[in-house]
Amino acid sequence: MTSKKNLSLIIKDLIFTGLIATVLLIPIVGFRTEISTTDSTGLIFNYNFIIAFLVVGFIVGVRFLFHIYWFSKIQRKPKEDSEENKKNF
């Protein structure tokens, strides 16, 4: 039961992380402005969403690996208040 609960929390966190990273990185990484050299119209927007989505995918992947490491470390932690420790006192 707890593994399903942990998995659903991880999925929700990854979706939330992906949405926040997408909203922040599309304007920062996805758009590139250049000065027009052919005519004097000003700035030109070049769109490069592939790099932005690759960066978002990398961020979500690192966050997923962090969750796997974090939960495996928590599960390996020995319980301090076990029955054997209580009998010794």
PDB file of N, CA and C in Angstrom:
ATOM      1  N   MET A   1       0.821  -1.189   0.000  1.00  0.00           N
ATOM      2  CA  MET A   1       0.000   0.000   0.000  1.00  0.00           C
ATOM      3  C   MET A   1       0.867   1.256   0.000  1.00  0.00           C
ATOM      4  N   THR A   2       1.940   1.232   0.780  1.00  0.00           N
ATOM      5  CA  THR A   2       2.776   2.422   0.851  1.00  0.00           C
ATOM      6  C   THR A   2       3.551   2.637  -0.439  1.00  0.00           C
ATOM      7  N   SER A   3       3.895   1.558  -1.165  1.00  0.00           N
ATOM      8  CA  SER A   3       4.634   1.743  -2.410  1.00  0.00           C
ATOM      9  C   SER A   3       3.746   2.391  -3.471  1.00  0.00           C
ATOM     10  N   LYS A   4       2.448   2.052  -3.488  1.00  0.00           N
ATOM     11  CA  LYS A   4       1.533   2.706  -4.419  1.00  0.00           C
ATOM     12  C   LYS A   4       1.368   4.178  -4.062  1.00  0.00           C
ATOM     13  N   LYS A   5       1.328   4.447  -2.762  1.00  0.00           N
ATOM     14  CA  LYS A   5       1.210   5.828  -2.312  1.00  0.00           C
ATOM     15  C   LYS A   5       2.461   6.617  -2.687  1.00  0.00           C
ATOM     16  N   ASN A   6       3.628   6.025  -2.490  1.00  0.00           N
ATOM     17  CA  ASN A   6       4.882   6.690  -2.852  1.00  0.00           C
ATOM     18  C   ASN A   6       4.969   6.905  -4.357  1.00  0.00           C
ATOM     19  N   LEU A   7       4.534   5.910  -5.140  1.00  0.00           N
ATOM     20  CA  LEU A   7       4.588   6.033  -6.590  1.00  0.00           C
ATOM     21  C   LEU A   7       3.670   7.148  -7.074  1.00  0.00           C
ATOM     22  N   SER A   8       2.484   7.251  -6.493  1.00  0.00           N
ATOM     23  CA  SER A   8       1.570   8.314  -6.919  1.00  0.00           C
ATOM     24  C   SER A   8       2.120   9.683  -6.523  1.00  0.00           C
ATOM     25  N   LEU A   9       2.766   9.776  -5.361  1.00  0.00           N
ATOM     26  CA  LEU A   9       3.381  11.046  -4.963  1.00  0.00           C
ATOM     27  C   LEU A   9       4.539  11.413  -5.883  1.00  0.00           C
ATOM     28  N   ILE A  10       5.320  10.423  -6.295  1.00  0.00           N
ATOM     29  CA  ILE A  10       6.439  10.675  -7.205  1.00  0.00           C
ATOM     30  C   ILE A  10       5.917  11.163  -8.553  1.00  0.00           C
ATOM     31  N   ILE A  11       4.877  10.518  -9.066  1.00  0.00           N
ATOM     32  CA  ILE A  11       4.322  10.914 -10.365  1.00  0.00           C
ATOM     33  C   ILE A  11       3.755  12.324 -10.304  1.00  0.00           C
ATOM     34  N   LYS A  12       3.035  12.643  -9.230  1.00  0.00           N
ATOM     35  CA  LYS A  12       2.503  14.000  -9.078  1.00  0.00           C
ATOM     36  C   LYS A  12       3.629  15.024  -9.009  1.00  0.00           C
ATOM     37  N   ASP A  13       4.690  14.702  -8.277  1.00  0.00           N
ATOM     38  CA  ASP A  13       5.820  15.617  -8.160  1.00  0.00           C
ATOM     39  C   ASP A  13       6.523  15.797  -9.498  1.00  0.00           C
ATOM     40  N   LEU A  14       6.666  14.715 -10.265  1.00  0.00           N
ATOM     41  CA  LEU A  14       7.322  14.827 -11.563  1.00  0.00           C
ATOM     42  C   LEU A  14       6.492  15.648 -12.547  1.00  0.00           C
ATOM     43  N   ILE A  15       5.172  15.491 -12.507  1.00  0.00           N
ATOM     44  CA  ILE A  15       4.316  16.296 -13.380  1.00  0.00           C
ATOM     45  C   ILE A  15       4.405  17.771 -12.997  1.00  0.00           C
ATOM     46  N   PHE A  16       4.358  18.045 -11.694  1.00  0.00           N
ATOM     47  CA  PHE A  16       4.453  19.419 -11.214  1.00  0.00           C
ATOM     48  C   PHE A  16       5.815  20.028 -11.570  1.00  0.00           C
ATOM     49  N   THR A  17       6.873  19.249 -11.417  1.00  0.00           N
ATOM     50  CA  THR A  17       8.218  19.717 -11.770  1.00  0.00           C
ATOM     51  C   THR A  17       8.317  20.002 -13.265  1.00  0.00           C
ATOM     52  N   GLY A  18       7.746  19.121 -14.075  1.00  0.00           N
ATOM     53  CA  GLY A  18       7.766  19.327 -15.525  1.00  0.00           C
ATOM     54  C   GLY A  18       7.002  20.563 -15.952  1.00  0.00           C
ATOM     55  N   LEU A  19       5.852  20.802 -15.333  1.00  0.00           N
ATOM     56  CA  LEU A  19       5.069  21.986 -15.675  1.00  0.00           C
ATOM     57  C   LEU A  19       5.803  23.272 -15.299  1.00  0.00           C
ATOM     58  N   ILE A  20       6.359  23.303 -14.098  1.00  0.00           N
ATOM     59  CA  ILE A  20       7.087  24.501 -13.674  1.00  0.00           C
ATOM     60  C   ILE A  20       8.313  24.723 -14.554  1.00  0.00           C
ATOM     61  N   ALA A  21       9.053  23.661 -14.844  1.00  0.00           N
ATOM     62  CA  ALA A  21      10.245  23.800 -15.691  1.00  0.00           C
ATOM     63  C   ALA A  21       9.862  24.248 -17.098  1.00  0.00           C
ATOM     64  N   THR A  22       8.756  23.754 -17.628  1.00  0.00           N
ATOM     65  CA  THR A  22       8.307  24.149 -18.958  1.00  0.00           C
ATOM     66  C   THR A  22       7.941  25.626 -18.991  1.00  0.00           C
ATOM     67  N   VAL A  23       7.180  26.062 -17.997  1.00  0.00           N
ATOM     68  CA  VAL A  23       6.764  27.471 -17.957  1.00  0.00           C
ATOM     69  C   VAL A  23       7.977  28.395 -17.830  1.00  0.00           C
ATOM     70  N   LEU A  24       8.963  27.992 -17.056  1.00  0.00           N
ATOM     71  CA  LEU A  24      10.133  28.844 -16.872  1.00  0.00           C
ATOM     72  C   LEU A  24      11.117  28.777 -18.044  1.00  0.00           C
ATOM     73  N   LEU A  25      11.281  27.607 -18.645  1.00  0.00           N
ATOM     74  CA  LEU A  25      12.334  27.448 -19.641  1.00  0.00           C
ATOM     75  C   LEU A  25      11.915  27.763 -21.069  1.00  0.00           C
ATOM     76  N   ILE A  26      10.624  27.731 -21.376  1.00  0.00           N
ATOM     77  CA  ILE A  26      10.209  28.082 -22.738  1.00  0.00           C
ATOM     78  C   ILE A  26      10.614  29.516 -23.080  1.00  0.00           C
ATOM     79  N   PRO A  27      10.317  30.508 -22.243  1.00  0.00           N
ATOM     80  CA  PRO A  27      10.762  31.856 -22.610  1.00  0.00           C
ATOM     81  C   PRO A  27      12.278  32.045 -22.514  1.00  0.00           C
ATOM     82  N   ILE A  28      12.922  31.337 -21.606  1.00  0.00           N
ATOM     83  CA  ILE A  28      14.359  31.541 -21.407  1.00  0.00           C
ATOM     84  C   ILE A  28      15.182  30.818 -22.471  1.00  0.00           C
ATOM     85  N   VAL A  29      14.869  29.549 -22.712  1.00  0.00           N
ATOM     86  CA  VAL A  29      15.673  28.737 -23.632  1.00  0.00           C
ATOM     87  C   VAL A  29      15.016  28.623 -25.001  1.00  0.00           C
ATOM     88  N   GLY A  30      13.684  28.615 -25.057  1.00  0.00           N
ATOM     89  CA  GLY A  30      12.978  28.373 -26.309  1.00  0.00           C
ATOM     90  C   GLY A  30      13.000  29.528 -27.282  1.00  0.00           C
ATOM     91  N   PHE A  31      12.993  30.758 -26.791  1.00  0.00           N
ATOM     92  CA  PHE A  31      12.994  31.925 -27.665  1.00  0.00           C
ATOM     93  C   PHE A  31      14.390  32.511 -27.754  1.00  0.00           C
ATOM     94  N   ARG A  32      14.725  32.957 -28.952  1.00  0.00           N
ATOM     95  CA  ARG A  32      16.007  33.616 -29.174  1.00  0.00           C
ATOM     96  C   ARG A  32      15.755  34.820 -30.072  1.00  0.00           C
ATOM     97  N   THR A  33      16.221  35.960 -29.655  1.00  0.00           N
ATOM     98  CA  THR A  33      16.025  37.166 -30.460  1.00  0.00           C
ATOM     99  C   THR A  33      17.289  37.496 -31.224  1.00  0.00           C
ATOM    100  N   GLU A  34      17.100  37.942 -32.441  1.00  0.00           N
ATOM    101  CA  GLU A  34      18.206  38.366 -33.292  1.00  0.00           C
ATOM    102  C   GLU A  34      17.825  39.661 -33.979  1.00  0.00           C
ATOM    103  N   ILE A  35      18.824  40.453 -34.290  1.00  0.00           N
ATOM    104  CA  ILE A  35      18.587  41.695 -35.019  1.00  0.00           C
ATOM    105  C   ILE A  35      18.503  41.373 -36.506  1.00  0.00           C
ATOM    106  N   SER A  36      17.496  41.897 -37.157  1.00  0.00           N
ATOM    107  CA  SER A  36      17.303  41.651 -38.575  1.00  0.00           C
ATOM    108  C   SER A  36      18.393  42.364 -39.372  1.00  0.00           C
ATOM    109  N   THR A  37      19.092  41.618 -40.220  1.00  0.00           N
ATOM    110  CA  THR A  37      20.157  42.212 -41.035  1.00  0.00           C
ATOM    111  C   THR A  37      19.672  42.540 -42.441  1.00  0.00           C
ATOM    112  N   THR A  38      18.597  41.921 -42.907  1.00  0.00           N
ATOM    113  CA  THR A  38      18.132  42.159 -44.271  1.00  0.00           C
ATOM    114  C   THR A  38      17.351  43.459 -44.392  1.00  0.00           C
ATOM    115  N   ASP A  39      16.542  43.763 -43.415  1.00  0.00           N
ATOM    116  CA  ASP A  39      15.809  45.019 -43.415  1.00  0.00           C
ATOM    117  C   ASP A  39      15.787  45.570 -41.995  1.00  0.00           C
ATOM    118  N   SER A  40      15.389  46.762 -41.842  1.00  0.00           N
ATOM    119  CA  SER A  40      15.455  47.399 -40.525  1.00  0.00           C
ATOM    120  C   SER A  40      14.127  47.275 -39.781  1.00  0.00           C
ATOM    121  N   THR A  41      13.642  46.044 -39.658  1.00  0.00           N
ATOM    122  CA  THR A  41      12.376  45.838 -38.956  1.00  0.00           C
ATOM    123  C   THR A  41      12.571  45.644 -37.463  1.00  0.00           C
ATOM    124  N   GLY A  42      13.784  45.464 -37.031  1.00  0.00           N
ATOM    125  CA  GLY A  42      14.034  45.324 -35.600  1.00  0.00           C
ATOM    126  C   GLY A  42      14.429  43.907 -35.231  1.00  0.00           C
ATOM    127  N   LEU A  43      13.805  43.386 -34.191  1.00  0.00           N
ATOM    128  CA  LEU A  43      14.157  42.065 -33.682  1.00  0.00           C
ATOM    129  C   LEU A  43      13.328  40.975 -34.348  1.00  0.00           C
ATOM    130  N   ILE A  44      13.947  39.810 -34.469  1.00  0.00           N
ATOM    131  CA  ILE A  44      13.281  38.619 -35.001  1.00  0.00           C
ATOM    132  C   ILE A  44      13.317  37.557 -33.922  1.00  0.00           C
ATOM    133  N   PHE A  45      12.185  36.892 -33.700  1.00  0.00           N
ATOM    134  CA  PHE A  45      12.137  35.770 -32.762  1.00  0.00           C
ATOM    135  C   PHE A  45      12.426  34.478 -33.500  1.00  0.00           C
ATOM    136  N   ASN A  46      13.401  33.752 -33.029  1.00  0.00           N
ATOM    137  CA  ASN A  46      13.653  32.394 -33.504  1.00  0.00           C
ATOM    138  C   ASN A  46      13.204  31.439 -32.421  1.00  0.00           C
ATOM    139  N   TYR A  47      12.465  30.424 -32.809  1.00  0.00           N
ATOM    140  CA  TYR A  47      11.928  29.463 -31.850  1.00  0.00           C
ATOM    141  C   TYR A  47      12.771  28.199 -31.883  1.00  0.00           C
ATOM    142  N   ASN A  48      13.152  27.738 -30.721  1.00  0.00           N
ATOM    143  CA  ASN A  48      13.904  26.497 -30.618  1.00  0.00           C
ATOM    144  C   ASN A  48      13.366  25.721 -29.418  1.00  0.00           C
ATOM    145  N   PHE A  49      12.185  25.148 -29.605  1.00  0.00           N
ATOM    146  CA  PHE A  49      11.531  24.458 -28.501  1.00  0.00           C
ATOM    147  C   PHE A  49      12.136  23.090 -28.222  1.00  0.00           C
ATOM    148  N   ILE A  50      12.840  22.527 -29.181  1.00  0.00           N
ATOM    149  CA  ILE A  50      13.423  21.192 -28.986  1.00  0.00           C
ATOM    150  C   ILE A  50      14.441  21.229 -27.857  1.00  0.00           C
ATOM    151  N   ILE A  51      15.304  22.215 -27.855  1.00  0.00           N
ATOM    152  CA  ILE A  51      16.297  22.323 -26.780  1.00  0.00           C
ATOM    153  C   ILE A  51      15.615  22.568 -25.438  1.00  0.00           C
ATOM    154  N   ALA A  52      14.579  23.401 -25.437  1.00  0.00           N
ATOM    155  CA  ALA A  52      13.855  23.684 -24.191  1.00  0.00           C
ATOM    156  C   ALA A  52      13.229  22.408 -23.631  1.00  0.00           C
ATOM    157  N   PHE A  53      12.601  21.605 -24.490  1.00  0.00           N
ATOM    158  CA  PHE A  53      11.979  20.371 -23.999  1.00  0.00           C
ATOM    159  C   PHE A  53      13.012  19.323 -23.609  1.00  0.00           C
ATOM    160  N   LEU A  54      14.179  19.327 -24.245  1.00  0.00           N
ATOM    161  CA  LEU A  54      15.249  18.427 -23.816  1.00  0.00           C
ATOM    162  C   LEU A  54      15.754  18.799 -22.422  1.00  0.00           C
ATOM    163  N   VAL A  55      15.864  20.088 -22.156  1.00  0.00           N
ATOM    164  CA  VAL A  55      16.285  20.536 -20.829  1.00  0.00           C
ATOM    165  C   VAL A  55      15.224  20.182 -19.792  1.00  0.00           C
ATOM    166  N   VAL A  56      13.949  20.348 -20.135  1.00  0.00           N
ATOM    167  CA  VAL A  56      12.867  19.969 -19.214  1.00  0.00           C
ATOM    168  C   VAL A  56      12.903  18.466 -18.949  1.00  0.00           C
ATOM    169  N   GLY A  57      13.113  17.672 -19.989  1.00  0.00           N
ATOM    170  CA  GLY A  57      13.218  16.227 -19.814  1.00  0.00           C
ATOM    171  C   GLY A  57      14.385  15.833 -18.930  1.00  0.00           C
ATOM    172  N   PHE A  58      15.495  16.527 -19.081  1.00  0.00           N
ATOM    173  CA  PHE A  58      16.661  16.272 -18.235  1.00  0.00           C
ATOM    174  C   PHE A  58      16.345  16.594 -16.774  1.00  0.00           C
ATOM    175  N   ILE A  59      15.682  17.715 -16.544  1.00  0.00           N
ATOM    176  CA  ILE A  59      15.336  18.110 -15.177  1.00  0.00           C
ATOM    177  C   ILE A  59      14.397  17.097 -14.542  1.00  0.00           C
ATOM    178  N   VAL A  60      13.386  16.661 -15.278  1.00  0.00           N
ATOM    179  CA  VAL A  60      12.446  15.674 -14.743  1.00  0.00           C
ATOM    180  C   VAL A  60      13.150  14.338 -14.509  1.00  0.00           C
ATOM    181  N   GLY A  61      14.052  13.953 -15.399  1.00  0.00           N
ATOM    182  CA  GLY A  61      14.793  12.704 -15.212  1.00  0.00           C
ATOM    183  C   GLY A  61      15.687  12.730 -13.990  1.00  0.00           C
ATOM    184  N   VAL A  62      16.358  13.848 -13.764  1.00  0.00           N
ATOM    185  CA  VAL A  62      17.210  13.973 -12.574  1.00  0.00           C
ATOM    186  C   VAL A  62      16.354  13.953 -11.318  1.00  0.00           C
ATOM    187  N   ARG A  63      15.198  14.597 -11.375  1.00  0.00           N
ATOM    188  CA  ARG A  63      14.293  14.595 -10.216  1.00  0.00           C
ATOM    189  C   ARG A  63      13.791  13.174  -9.942  1.00  0.00           C
ATOM    190  N   PHE A  64      13.518  12.389 -10.988  1.00  0.00           N
ATOM    191  CA  PHE A  64      13.086  11.002 -10.816  1.00  0.00           C
ATOM    192  C   PHE A  64      14.195  10.160 -10.185  1.00  0.00           C
ATOM    193  N   LEU A  65      15.419  10.336 -10.652  1.00  0.00           N
ATOM    194  CA  LEU A  65      16.536   9.606 -10.053  1.00  0.00           C
ATOM    195  C   LEU A  65      16.743  10.002  -8.595  1.00  0.00           C
ATOM    196  N   PHE A  66      16.525  11.266  -8.292  1.00  0.00           N
ATOM    197  CA  PHE A  66      16.613  11.724  -6.906  1.00  0.00           C
ATOM    198  C   PHE A  66      15.568  11.022  -6.052  1.00  0.00           C
ATOM    199  N   HIS A  67      14.345  10.888  -6.563  1.00  0.00           N
ATOM    200  CA  HIS A  67      13.300  10.200  -5.807  1.00  0.00           C
ATOM    201  C   HIS A  67      13.644   8.729  -5.579  1.00  0.00           C
ATOM    202  N   ILE A  68      14.167   8.077  -6.590  1.00  0.00           N
ATOM    203  CA  ILE A  68      14.542   6.675  -6.441  1.00  0.00           C
ATOM    204  C   ILE A  68      15.626   6.530  -5.375  1.00  0.00           C
ATOM    205  N   TYR A  69      16.632   7.386  -5.417  1.00  0.00           N
ATOM    206  CA  TYR A  69      17.709   7.341  -4.431  1.00  0.00           C
ATOM    207  C   TYR A  69      17.174   7.659  -3.044  1.00  0.00           C
ATOM    208  N   TRP A  70      16.338   8.677  -2.924  1.00  0.00           N
ATOM    209  CA  TRP A  70      15.825   9.125  -1.626  1.00  0.00           C
ATOM    210  C   TRP A  70      14.979   8.041  -0.969  1.00  0.00           C
ATOM    211  N   PHE A  71      14.035   7.451  -1.722  1.00  0.00           N
ATOM    212  CA  PHE A  71      13.164   6.447  -1.124  1.00  0.00           C
ATOM    213  C   PHE A  71      13.897   5.148  -0.832  1.00  0.00           C
ATOM    214  N   SER A  72      14.889   4.797  -1.632  1.00  0.00           N
ATOM    215  CA  SER A  72      15.653   3.591  -1.322  1.00  0.00           C
ATOM    216  C   SER A  72      16.505   3.802  -0.077  1.00  0.00           C
ATOM    217  N   LYS A  73      16.985   5.016   0.141  1.00  0.00           N
ATOM    218  CA  LYS A  73      17.765   5.314   1.330  1.00  0.00           C
ATOM    219  C   LYS A  73      16.880   5.304   2.570  1.00  0.00           C
ATOM    220  N   ILE A  74      15.656   5.775   2.464  1.00  0.00           N
ATOM    221  CA  ILE A  74      14.730   5.776   3.593  1.00  0.00           C
ATOM    222  C   ILE A  74      14.358   4.342   3.975  1.00  0.00           C
ATOM    223  N   GLN A  75      14.144   3.471   2.993  1.00  0.00           N
ATOM    224  CA  GLN A  75      13.748   2.102   3.275  1.00  0.00           C
ATOM    225  C   GLN A  75      14.879   1.302   3.899  1.00  0.00           C
ATOM    226  N   ARG A  76      16.138   1.641   3.613  1.00  0.00           N
ATOM    227  CA  ARG A  76      17.277   0.917   4.187  1.00  0.00           C
ATOM    228  C   ARG A  76      17.612   1.373   5.597  1.00  0.00           C
ATOM    229  N   LYS A  77      17.035   2.473   6.039  1.00  0.00           N
ATOM    230  CA  LYS A  77      17.333   3.009   7.362  1.00  0.00           C
ATOM    231  C   LYS A  77      16.803   2.055   8.427  1.00  0.00           C
ATOM    232  N   PRO A  78      17.641   1.600   9.359  1.00  0.00           N
ATOM    233  CA  PRO A  78      17.164   0.655  10.387  1.00  0.00           C
ATOM    234  C   PRO A  78      16.239   1.356  11.381  1.00  0.00           C
ATOM    235  N   LYS A  79      15.301   0.582  11.863  1.00  0.00           N
ATOM    236  CA  LYS A  79      14.369   1.123  12.853  1.00  0.00           C
ATOM    237  C   LYS A  79      15.043   1.105  14.220  1.00  0.00           C
ATOM    238  N   GLU A  80      14.984   2.234  14.901  1.00  0.00           N
ATOM    239  CA  GLU A  80      15.642   2.344  16.194  1.00  0.00           C
ATOM    240  C   GLU A  80      14.771   1.817  17.332  1.00  0.00           C
ATOM    241  N   ASP A  81      13.492   1.856  17.188  1.00  0.00           N
ATOM    242  CA  ASP A  81      12.581   1.437  18.251  1.00  0.00           C
ATOM    243  C   ASP A  81      12.004   0.044  17.975  1.00  0.00           C
ATOM    244  N   SER A  82      12.857  -0.884  17.611  1.00  0.00           N
ATOM    245  CA  SER A  82      12.364  -2.230  17.347  1.00  0.00           C
ATOM    246  C   SER A  82      12.157  -2.982  18.664  1.00  0.00           C
ATOM    247  N   GLU A  83      11.516  -4.103  18.590  1.00  0.00           N
ATOM    248  CA  GLU A  83      11.208  -4.905  19.788  1.00  0.00           C
ATOM    249  C   GLU A  83      12.476  -5.446  20.448  1.00  0.00           C
ATOM    250  N   GLU A  84      13.489  -5.760  19.662  1.00  0.00           N
ATOM    251  CA  GLU A  84      14.726  -6.295  20.242  1.00  0.00           C
ATOM    252  C   GLU A  84      15.438  -5.256  21.072  1.00  0.00           C
ATOM    253  N   ASN A  85      15.410  -4.010  20.673  1.00  0.00           N
ATOM    254  CA  ASN A  85      16.050  -2.958  21.445  1.00  0.00           C
ATOM    255  C   ASN A  85      15.301  -2.698  22.740  1.00  0.00           C
ATOM    256  N   LYS A  86      13.996  -2.845  22.740  1.00  0.00           N
ATOM    257  CA  LYS A  86      13.213  -2.613  23.939  1.00  0.00           C
ATOM    258  C   LYS A  86      13.443  -3.717  24.971  1.00  0.00           C
ATOM    259  N   LYS A  87      13.695  -4.943  24.504  1.00  0.00           N
ATOM    260  CA  LYS A  87      13.930  -6.056  25.434  1.00  0.00           C
ATOM    261  C   LYS A  87      15.264  -5.913  26.137  1.00  0.00           C
ATOM    262  N   ASN A  88      16.237  -5.301  25.493  1.00  0.00           N
ATOM    263  CA  ASN A  88      17.568  -5.170  26.069  1.00  0.00           C
ATOM    264  C   ASN A  88      17.602  -4.158  27.228  1.00  0.00           C
ATOM    265  N   PHE A  89      16.655  -3.283  27.280  1.00  0.00           N
ATOM    266  CA  PHE A  89      16.659  -2.260  28.337  1.00  0.00           C
ATOM    267  C   PHE A  89      15.846  -2.648  29.492  1.00  0.00           C
TER     268      PHE A  89
END
